[in-house]
N, C-alpha and C. Protein backbone atom coordinates (compact mmCIF):
# COMPACT_ATOMS: atom_id res chain seq x y z
N UNK A 1 -5.48 -16.42 -2.20
CA UNK A 1 -4.81 -15.20 -2.62
C UNK A 1 -5.73 -14.41 -3.55
N UNK A 2 -5.74 -13.12 -3.34
CA UNK A 2 -6.48 -12.20 -4.20
C UNK A 2 -5.49 -11.17 -4.73
N UNK A 3 -5.99 -10.20 -5.46
CA UNK A 3 -5.09 -9.19 -6.03
C UNK A 3 -5.56 -7.78 -5.72
N UNK A 4 -4.57 -6.90 -5.55
CA UNK A 4 -4.81 -5.46 -5.54
C UNK A 4 -4.02 -4.89 -6.71
N UNK A 5 -4.34 -3.68 -7.08
CA UNK A 5 -3.63 -3.02 -8.18
C UNK A 5 -2.74 -1.95 -7.55
N UNK A 6 -1.44 -2.17 -7.64
CA UNK A 6 -0.47 -1.24 -7.07
C UNK A 6 0.37 -0.65 -8.18
N UNK A 7 0.30 0.67 -8.32
CA UNK A 7 1.02 1.39 -9.37
C UNK A 7 0.73 0.79 -10.75
N UNK A 8 -0.54 0.41 -10.96
CA UNK A 8 -0.97 -0.07 -12.26
C UNK A 8 -0.71 -1.55 -12.52
N UNK A 9 -0.14 -2.26 -11.55
CA UNK A 9 0.16 -3.69 -11.74
C UNK A 9 -0.66 -4.52 -10.76
N UNK A 10 -1.16 -5.67 -11.24
CA UNK A 10 -1.87 -6.59 -10.36
C UNK A 10 -0.84 -7.30 -9.48
N UNK A 11 -1.06 -7.22 -8.16
CA UNK A 11 -0.16 -7.83 -7.20
C UNK A 11 -0.97 -8.79 -6.32
N UNK A 12 -0.52 -10.04 -6.25
CA UNK A 12 -1.19 -11.02 -5.40
C UNK A 12 -0.94 -10.67 -3.94
N UNK A 13 -1.99 -10.80 -3.12
CA UNK A 13 -1.87 -10.49 -1.70
C UNK A 13 -2.85 -11.34 -0.91
N UNK A 14 -2.47 -11.62 0.35
CA UNK A 14 -3.39 -12.30 1.27
C UNK A 14 -4.36 -11.24 1.77
N UNK A 15 -5.60 -11.32 1.35
CA UNK A 15 -6.59 -10.31 1.71
C UNK A 15 -7.70 -10.92 2.55
N UNK A 16 -8.35 -10.12 3.41
CA UNK A 16 -8.03 -8.72 3.66
C UNK A 16 -6.76 -8.58 4.50
N UNK A 17 -6.08 -7.47 4.31
CA UNK A 17 -4.91 -7.15 5.11
C UNK A 17 -4.83 -5.63 5.20
N UNK A 18 -3.99 -5.15 6.09
CA UNK A 18 -3.82 -3.71 6.23
C UNK A 18 -2.82 -3.22 5.18
N UNK A 19 -2.84 -1.92 4.95
CA UNK A 19 -1.85 -1.33 4.04
C UNK A 19 -0.44 -1.63 4.57
N UNK A 20 -0.26 -1.52 5.88
CA UNK A 20 1.05 -1.79 6.47
C UNK A 20 1.50 -3.22 6.18
N UNK A 21 0.62 -4.20 6.35
CA UNK A 21 0.97 -5.59 6.08
C UNK A 21 1.31 -5.79 4.60
N UNK A 22 0.56 -5.13 3.72
CA UNK A 22 0.84 -5.23 2.29
C UNK A 22 2.21 -4.66 1.97
N UNK A 23 2.52 -3.49 2.51
CA UNK A 23 3.82 -2.86 2.24
C UNK A 23 4.97 -3.74 2.71
N UNK A 24 4.85 -4.29 3.91
CA UNK A 24 5.90 -5.16 4.45
C UNK A 24 6.07 -6.39 3.56
N UNK A 25 4.96 -6.96 3.09
CA UNK A 25 5.02 -8.13 2.21
C UNK A 25 5.72 -7.80 0.88
N UNK A 26 5.68 -6.52 0.49
CA UNK A 26 6.33 -6.08 -0.74
C UNK A 26 7.75 -5.57 -0.48
N UNK A 27 8.26 -5.81 0.72
CA UNK A 27 9.60 -5.36 1.13
C UNK A 27 9.76 -3.85 1.08
N UNK A 28 8.69 -3.15 1.46
CA UNK A 28 8.73 -1.69 1.54
C UNK A 28 8.57 -1.28 3.00
N UNK A 29 9.38 -0.34 3.44
CA UNK A 29 9.24 0.18 4.79
C UNK A 29 8.09 1.17 4.82
N UNK A 30 7.08 0.94 5.65
CA UNK A 30 5.93 1.85 5.69
C UNK A 30 6.30 3.31 5.90
N UNK A 31 7.38 3.59 6.61
CA UNK A 31 7.78 4.98 6.86
C UNK A 31 8.52 5.61 5.68
N UNK A 32 8.78 4.81 4.64
CA UNK A 32 9.55 5.34 3.51
C UNK A 32 8.70 5.56 2.26
N UNK A 33 7.36 5.48 2.42
CA UNK A 33 6.49 5.62 1.25
C UNK A 33 5.30 6.54 1.55
N UNK A 34 4.72 7.05 0.47
CA UNK A 34 3.46 7.78 0.52
C UNK A 34 2.46 6.91 -0.23
N UNK A 35 1.25 6.77 0.34
CA UNK A 35 0.28 5.85 -0.25
C UNK A 35 -1.05 6.56 -0.53
N UNK A 36 -1.59 6.27 -1.70
CA UNK A 36 -2.94 6.68 -2.06
C UNK A 36 -3.75 5.39 -2.22
N UNK A 37 -4.90 5.31 -1.54
CA UNK A 37 -5.74 4.11 -1.56
C UNK A 37 -7.08 4.46 -2.19
N UNK A 38 -7.35 3.87 -3.34
CA UNK A 38 -8.59 4.16 -4.08
C UNK A 38 -8.81 5.66 -4.26
N UNK A 39 -7.72 6.36 -4.60
CA UNK A 39 -7.80 7.79 -4.90
C UNK A 39 -7.73 8.71 -3.71
N UNK A 40 -7.56 8.16 -2.51
CA UNK A 40 -7.51 8.98 -1.30
C UNK A 40 -6.16 8.84 -0.62
N UNK A 41 -5.51 9.98 -0.34
CA UNK A 41 -4.22 9.94 0.37
C UNK A 41 -4.44 9.36 1.76
N UNK A 42 -3.49 8.53 2.20
CA UNK A 42 -3.59 7.88 3.50
C UNK A 42 -2.42 8.33 4.36
N UNK A 43 -2.73 8.81 5.57
CA UNK A 43 -1.69 9.20 6.51
C UNK A 43 -0.97 7.95 7.00
N UNK A 44 0.35 8.03 7.19
CA UNK A 44 1.09 6.87 7.69
C UNK A 44 0.51 6.29 8.98
N UNK A 45 -0.07 7.13 9.82
CA UNK A 45 -0.67 6.65 11.07
C UNK A 45 -1.88 5.75 10.83
N UNK A 46 -2.43 5.79 9.61
CA UNK A 46 -3.59 4.97 9.27
C UNK A 46 -3.22 3.65 8.59
N UNK A 47 -1.95 3.46 8.21
CA UNK A 47 -1.54 2.27 7.46
C UNK A 47 -1.94 0.97 8.16
N UNK A 48 -1.82 0.93 9.48
CA UNK A 48 -2.12 -0.32 10.19
C UNK A 48 -3.62 -0.56 10.33
N UNK A 49 -4.43 0.50 10.18
CA UNK A 49 -5.89 0.37 10.35
C UNK A 49 -6.65 0.26 9.04
N UNK A 50 -6.08 0.75 7.95
CA UNK A 50 -6.79 0.77 6.66
C UNK A 50 -6.70 -0.60 6.00
N UNK A 51 -7.84 -1.22 5.76
CA UNK A 51 -7.90 -2.57 5.19
C UNK A 51 -7.97 -2.54 3.67
N UNK A 52 -7.26 -3.48 3.06
CA UNK A 52 -7.30 -3.66 1.61
C UNK A 52 -8.20 -4.83 1.28
N UNK A 53 -8.92 -4.70 0.17
CA UNK A 53 -9.77 -5.77 -0.33
C UNK A 53 -9.44 -6.00 -1.80
N UNK A 54 -9.88 -7.14 -2.32
CA UNK A 54 -9.61 -7.49 -3.71
C UNK A 54 -10.04 -6.37 -4.64
N UNK A 55 -9.17 -6.03 -5.59
CA UNK A 55 -9.48 -5.02 -6.58
C UNK A 55 -9.19 -3.59 -6.17
N UNK A 56 -8.78 -3.38 -4.91
CA UNK A 56 -8.43 -2.02 -4.48
C UNK A 56 -7.24 -1.52 -5.28
N UNK A 57 -7.18 -0.19 -5.42
CA UNK A 57 -6.09 0.44 -6.16
C UNK A 57 -5.20 1.21 -5.19
N UNK A 58 -3.89 1.00 -5.35
CA UNK A 58 -2.89 1.73 -4.55
C UNK A 58 -1.93 2.44 -5.49
N UNK A 59 -1.55 3.62 -5.10
CA UNK A 59 -0.42 4.31 -5.72
C UNK A 59 0.60 4.45 -4.59
N UNK A 60 1.78 3.93 -4.81
CA UNK A 60 2.82 3.93 -3.78
C UNK A 60 4.03 4.67 -4.34
N UNK A 61 4.46 5.70 -3.62
CA UNK A 61 5.61 6.49 -4.03
C UNK A 61 6.65 6.42 -2.93
N UNK A 62 7.87 6.03 -3.31
CA UNK A 62 8.96 5.98 -2.34
C UNK A 62 9.47 7.39 -2.07
N UNK A 63 9.71 7.67 -0.81
CA UNK A 63 10.28 8.97 -0.39
C UNK A 63 11.79 8.87 -0.53
N UNK A 64 12.38 9.83 -1.22
CA UNK A 64 13.82 9.85 -1.41
C UNK A 64 14.37 11.12 -0.77
N UNK A 65 15.35 10.94 0.10
CA UNK A 65 15.98 12.08 0.74
C UNK A 65 17.34 12.30 0.11
N UNK A 66 17.76 13.51 0.11
CA UNK A 66 19.08 13.79 -0.44
C UNK A 66 19.29 15.29 -0.56
N UNK A 67 20.40 15.62 -1.11
CA UNK A 67 20.68 17.04 -1.20
C UNK A 67 21.47 17.40 -2.39
């Protein structure tokens, strides 16, 4: 197990893995979040292809719908 930094917190993860795999492991639906990886916005279509490595930084924001 290695760690990535997600929203400022160290999170243990099986690395390397995709952003999508990381989100699912954190009980987050990939279609319900916006992700920045090492300072770069990532399109949801890239979640399954973008690999995470130890020490990478993620900012994850949940999308909230309502009126």
